[in-house]
Amino acid sequence: MPIDGNAIPYVGIYTLDLFCDQLHEPRVEMTFTGQTFSGCCANARKAGWRIHRATKTATCPSCTRRLRNVARNFAQDREMRRTVR
């Protein structure tokens, strides 16, 4: 604290740089800012990014859509194989 008793104002900011972990060119990267890590993650999720905290990786919006479609198609194919038997 300064000698005259006035507190020094400061601004807290957090920057989150995300790079897509899928192998594609050009490399997708984006920066999000906020006051906390969870605030930055919320902004990234609103933009369509998927953040994997356990593996510390991220997936861009286009790859997220592609992977979701692949999983959906796999589940539909598996269901079709069950009904055919």
Protein backbone atom coordinates (compact mmCIF):
# COMPACT_ATOMS: atom_id res chain seq x y z
CA MET A 1 0.00 0.00 0.00
CA PRO A 2 1.35 3.46 -0.83
CA ILE A 3 2.43 5.82 1.93
CA ASP A 4 -0.53 8.21 1.44
CA GLY A 5 -3.03 5.36 2.08
CA ASN A 6 -4.58 5.14 -1.38
CA ALA A 7 -4.72 1.65 -2.85
CA ILE A 8 -3.16 1.10 -6.25
CA PRO A 9 -5.80 -0.05 -8.74
CA TYR A 10 -4.92 -2.95 -10.98
CA VAL A 11 -6.66 -4.89 -13.70
CA GLY A 12 -6.57 -8.67 -13.61
CA ILE A 13 -6.67 -10.41 -16.95
CA TYR A 14 -6.20 -13.98 -18.11
CA THR A 15 -5.29 -14.98 -21.66
CA LEU A 16 -6.05 -18.42 -23.09
CA ASP A 17 -4.30 -19.35 -26.35
CA LEU A 18 -5.94 -22.36 -27.98
CA PHE A 19 -4.51 -24.51 -30.78
CA CYS A 20 -6.54 -27.30 -32.39
CA ASP A 21 -5.06 -30.71 -31.56
CA GLN A 22 -6.33 -32.30 -34.79
CA LEU A 23 -3.89 -32.66 -37.67
CA HIS A 24 -4.98 -30.25 -40.39
CA GLU A 25 -3.56 -27.33 -42.28
CA PRO A 26 -3.57 -24.41 -41.77
CA ARG A 27 -3.18 -24.74 -38.03
CA VAL A 28 -6.19 -23.27 -36.23
CA GLU A 29 -5.44 -21.03 -33.28
CA MET A 30 -7.41 -18.46 -31.31
CA THR A 31 -6.92 -16.29 -28.22
CA PHE A 32 -9.55 -15.66 -25.56
CA THR A 33 -9.29 -13.18 -22.69
CA GLY A 34 -11.15 -12.86 -19.42
CA GLN A 35 -10.71 -12.28 -15.72
CA THR A 36 -10.37 -15.99 -14.87
CA PHE A 37 -9.54 -19.29 -16.53
CA SER A 38 -13.16 -20.43 -16.30
CA GLY A 39 -14.31 -17.15 -17.89
CA CYS A 40 -11.94 -17.71 -20.81
CA CYS A 41 -13.14 -21.30 -21.16
CA ALA A 42 -16.76 -20.15 -21.20
CA ASN A 43 -15.98 -17.69 -24.01
CA ALA A 44 -14.17 -20.43 -25.95
CA ARG A 45 -17.10 -22.85 -25.52
CA LYS A 46 -19.50 -20.16 -26.75
CA ALA A 47 -17.31 -19.84 -29.85
CA GLY A 48 -17.57 -23.61 -30.42
CA TRP A 49 -14.24 -24.82 -29.05
CA ARG A 50 -14.08 -28.03 -27.02
CA ILE A 51 -11.55 -27.95 -24.19
CA HIS A 52 -10.34 -31.23 -22.67
CA ARG A 53 -8.96 -30.45 -19.22
CA ALA A 54 -7.80 -34.01 -18.51
CA THR A 55 -5.57 -34.20 -21.59
CA LYS A 56 -4.94 -30.42 -21.77
CA THR A 57 -5.93 -30.26 -25.43
CA ALA A 58 -8.49 -28.29 -27.44
CA THR A 59 -10.52 -28.93 -30.58
CA CYS A 60 -11.61 -26.17 -32.97
CA PRO A 61 -15.29 -25.68 -33.92
CA SER A 62 -14.99 -27.29 -37.36
CA CYS A 63 -13.23 -30.40 -35.99
CA THR A 64 -15.75 -30.58 -33.13
CA ARG A 65 -18.60 -30.72 -35.67
CA ARG A 66 -16.75 -33.29 -37.78
CA LEU A 67 -16.00 -35.55 -34.80
CA ARG A 68 -19.59 -35.26 -33.57
CA ASN A 69 -20.86 -36.35 -37.01
CA VAL A 70 -18.44 -39.28 -37.10
CA ALA A 71 -19.61 -40.45 -33.67
CA ARG A 72 -23.27 -40.04 -34.65
CA ASN A 73 -22.77 -42.03 -37.87
CA PHE A 74 -20.94 -44.78 -35.99
CA ALA A 75 -23.80 -45.07 -33.49
CA GLN A 76 -26.38 -45.18 -36.29
CA ASP A 77 -24.43 -47.88 -38.16
CA ARG A 78 -24.13 -49.95 -35.00
CA GLU A 79 -27.89 -49.63 -34.40
CA MET A 80 -28.62 -50.67 -38.00
CA ARG A 81 -26.43 -53.76 -37.60
CA ARG A 82 -28.37 -54.75 -34.47
CA THR A 83 -31.75 -54.53 -36.18
CA VAL A 84 -30.61 -56.55 -39.22
CA ARG A 85 -29.63 -59.60 -37.15
